[in-house]
Amino acid sequence: MALLDDVRAYLRIDATDTSFDGEIQDLIGAVQTELTDLGINPNLVSSATDPLIKKAITTYCKANFGYDTDNAEDFTSAYEKIKIYLMNSGTYQVASV
């Protein structure tokens, strides 16, 4: 539940307002699936305790939440840059056996 709370705060939604939780959970699930499909370590993605993974998740949510996001393109661009870094960094890849 902590990640949901963090994303809600990043979206500047009051902590007591749970009316958007379904949409936020869907966005979190979508970005976690995308990152995992791209080869990012699923343990890091699912725990979201790493600051860069958390930033990728929150930035993706910021870019895709609602319909009136004035800065959606900026957030999408920022997410894409973080995603590329994660894909190219050995720290975030699944260790090969």
C-alpha atoms as a PDB file:
ATOM      1  CA  MET A   1       0.000   0.000   0.000  1.00  0.00           C
ATOM      2  CA  ALA A   2       2.973   2.326   0.510  1.00  0.00           C
ATOM      3  CA  LEU A   3       3.611   2.633  -3.230  1.00  0.00           C
ATOM      4  CA  LEU A   4      -0.008   3.613  -3.832  1.00  0.00           C
ATOM      5  CA  ASP A   5       0.321   6.271  -1.130  1.00  0.00           C
ATOM      6  CA  ASP A   6       3.558   7.549  -2.667  1.00  0.00           C
ATOM      7  CA  VAL A   7       2.042   7.772  -6.137  1.00  0.00           C
ATOM      8  CA  ARG A   8      -1.081   9.460  -4.775  1.00  0.00           C
ATOM      9  CA  ALA A   9       1.143  12.071  -3.098  1.00  0.00           C
ATOM     10  CA  TYR A  10       3.198  12.508  -6.293  1.00  0.00           C
ATOM     11  CA  LEU A  11      -0.039  13.145  -8.178  1.00  0.00           C
ATOM     12  CA  ARG A  12      -0.927  15.706  -5.495  1.00  0.00           C
ATOM     13  CA  ILE A  13      -4.033  13.819  -4.425  1.00  0.00           C
ATOM     14  CA  ASP A  14      -4.998  14.157  -0.777  1.00  0.00           C
ATOM     15  CA  ALA A  15      -4.094  11.069   1.252  1.00  0.00           C
ATOM     16  CA  THR A  16      -7.708  10.650   2.324  1.00  0.00           C
ATOM     17  CA  ASP A  17      -9.054  10.749  -1.254  1.00  0.00           C
ATOM     18  CA  THR A  18      -9.190   7.153  -2.441  1.00  0.00           C
ATOM     19  CA  SER A  19     -11.563   7.791  -5.343  1.00  0.00           C
ATOM     20  CA  PHE A  20      -8.765   7.457  -7.914  1.00  0.00           C
ATOM     21  CA  ASP A  21      -7.091   4.403  -6.388  1.00  0.00           C
ATOM     22  CA  GLY A  22      -8.375   2.034  -9.083  1.00  0.00           C
ATOM     23  CA  GLU A  23      -6.902   4.128 -11.880  1.00  0.00           C
ATOM     24  CA  ILE A  24      -3.652   4.605  -9.983  1.00  0.00           C
ATOM     25  CA  GLN A  25      -3.344   0.856  -9.272  1.00  0.00           C
ATOM     26  CA  ASP A  26      -3.922   0.128 -12.968  1.00  0.00           C
ATOM     27  CA  LEU A  27      -1.164   2.571 -13.924  1.00  0.00           C
ATOM     28  CA  ILE A  28       1.218   1.070 -11.377  1.00  0.00           C
ATOM     29  CA  GLY A  29       0.477  -2.408 -12.690  1.00  0.00           C
ATOM     30  CA  ALA A  30       0.964  -1.302 -16.296  1.00  0.00           C
ATOM     31  CA  VAL A  31       4.351   0.299 -15.691  1.00  0.00           C
ATOM     32  CA  GLN A  32       5.545  -2.618 -13.557  1.00  0.00           C
ATOM     33  CA  THR A  33       4.592  -5.012 -16.354  1.00  0.00           C
ATOM     34  CA  GLU A  34       6.335  -2.861 -18.948  1.00  0.00           C
ATOM     35  CA  LEU A  35       9.540  -2.600 -16.929  1.00  0.00           C
ATOM     36  CA  THR A  36       9.590  -6.327 -16.219  1.00  0.00           C
ATOM     37  CA  ASP A  37       8.935  -7.149 -19.892  1.00  0.00           C
ATOM     38  CA  LEU A  38      11.917  -4.952 -20.791  1.00  0.00           C
ATOM     39  CA  GLY A  39      14.195  -7.111 -18.637  1.00  0.00           C
ATOM     40  CA  ILE A  40      14.303  -5.007 -15.501  1.00  0.00           C
ATOM     41  CA  ASN A  41      14.700  -7.206 -12.428  1.00  0.00           C
ATOM     42  CA  PRO A  42      11.135  -8.114 -11.360  1.00  0.00           C
ATOM     43  CA  ASN A  43      12.135  -8.190  -7.682  1.00  0.00           C
ATOM     44  CA  LEU A  44      13.253  -4.568  -7.872  1.00  0.00           C
ATOM     45  CA  VAL A  45      10.176  -3.582  -9.868  1.00  0.00           C
ATOM     46  CA  SER A  46       7.657  -5.264  -7.580  1.00  0.00           C
ATOM     47  CA  SER A  47       9.195  -4.009  -4.347  1.00  0.00           C
ATOM     48  CA  ALA A  48       9.669  -0.465  -5.731  1.00  0.00           C
ATOM     49  CA  THR A  49      12.058   0.358  -2.898  1.00  0.00           C
ATOM     50  CA  ASP A  50      14.889   1.399  -5.211  1.00  0.00           C
ATOM     51  CA  PRO A  51      14.699   5.175  -5.722  1.00  0.00           C
ATOM     52  CA  LEU A  52      15.151   5.013  -9.512  1.00  0.00           C
ATOM     53  CA  ILE A  53      12.506   2.297  -9.944  1.00  0.00           C
ATOM     54  CA  LYS A  54      10.162   4.313  -7.766  1.00  0.00           C
ATOM     55  CA  LYS A  55      10.881   7.424  -9.837  1.00  0.00           C
ATOM     56  CA  ALA A  56      10.123   5.521 -13.045  1.00  0.00           C
ATOM     57  CA  ILE A  57       6.800   4.338 -11.624  1.00  0.00           C
ATOM     58  CA  THR A  58       5.736   7.718 -10.283  1.00  0.00           C
ATOM     59  CA  THR A  59       6.792   9.539 -13.460  1.00  0.00           C
ATOM     60  CA  TYR A  60       4.863   7.074 -15.639  1.00  0.00           C
ATOM     61  CA  CYS A  61       1.803   7.594 -13.461  1.00  0.00           C
ATOM     62  CA  LYS A  62       2.181  11.363 -13.628  1.00  0.00           C
ATOM     63  CA  ALA A  63       2.349  11.189 -17.444  1.00  0.00           C
ATOM     64  CA  ASN A  64      -0.690   8.953 -17.802  1.00  0.00           C
ATOM     65  CA  PHE A  65      -3.047   9.956 -15.007  1.00  0.00           C
ATOM     66  CA  GLY A  66      -6.247  11.704 -16.017  1.00  0.00           C
ATOM     67  CA  TYR A  67      -6.940  13.533 -19.236  1.00  0.00           C
ATOM     68  CA  ASP A  68      -5.880  17.126 -18.589  1.00  0.00           C
ATOM     69  CA  THR A  69      -2.183  16.722 -17.913  1.00  0.00           C
ATOM     70  CA  ASP A  70      -0.578  19.844 -19.336  1.00  0.00           C
ATOM     71  CA  ASN A  71       2.905  18.411 -18.952  1.00  0.00           C
ATOM     72  CA  ALA A  72       2.147  14.841 -20.078  1.00  0.00           C
ATOM     73  CA  GLU A  73       4.721  14.993 -22.883  1.00  0.00           C
ATOM     74  CA  ASP A  74       7.424  16.196 -20.498  1.00  0.00           C
ATOM     75  CA  PHE A  75       6.663  13.422 -18.018  1.00  0.00           C
ATOM     76  CA  THR A  76       6.517  10.838 -20.811  1.00  0.00           C
ATOM     77  CA  SER A  77       9.909  11.985 -22.050  1.00  0.00           C
ATOM     78  CA  ALA A  78      11.347  11.824 -18.527  1.00  0.00           C
ATOM     79  CA  TYR A  79       9.942   8.308 -18.056  1.00  0.00           C
ATOM     80  CA  GLU A  80      11.418   7.160 -21.373  1.00  0.00           C
ATOM     81  CA  LYS A  81      14.863   8.437 -20.329  1.00  0.00           C
ATOM     82  CA  ILE A  82      14.672   6.646 -16.971  1.00  0.00           C
ATOM     83  CA  LYS A  83      13.469   3.470 -18.727  1.00  0.00           C
ATOM     84  CA  ILE A  84      16.392   3.566 -21.162  1.00  0.00           C
ATOM     85  CA  TYR A  85      18.839   4.002 -18.299  1.00  0.00           C
ATOM     86  CA  LEU A  86      17.306   1.067 -16.422  1.00  0.00           C
ATOM     87  CA  MET A  87      17.459  -1.113 -19.548  1.00  0.00           C
ATOM     88  CA  ASN A  88      21.143  -0.296 -20.078  1.00  0.00           C
ATOM     89  CA  SER A  89      22.314  -0.554 -16.487  1.00  0.00           C
ATOM     90  CA  GLY A  90      23.582  -3.928 -15.305  1.00  0.00           C
ATOM     91  CA  THR A  91      22.418  -3.030 -11.808  1.00  0.00           C
ATOM     92  CA  TYR A  92      18.772  -3.299 -12.856  1.00  0.00           C
ATOM     93  CA  GLN A  93      18.927  -6.291 -15.205  1.00  0.00           C
ATOM     94  CA  VAL A  94      18.042  -9.847 -14.309  1.00  0.00           C
ATOM     95  CA  ALA A  95      21.245 -11.723 -13.563  1.00  0.00           C
ATOM     96  CA  SER A  96      21.963 -14.333 -16.233  1.00  0.00           C
ATOM     97  CA  VAL A  97      22.553 -17.852 -15.078  1.00  0.00           C
END
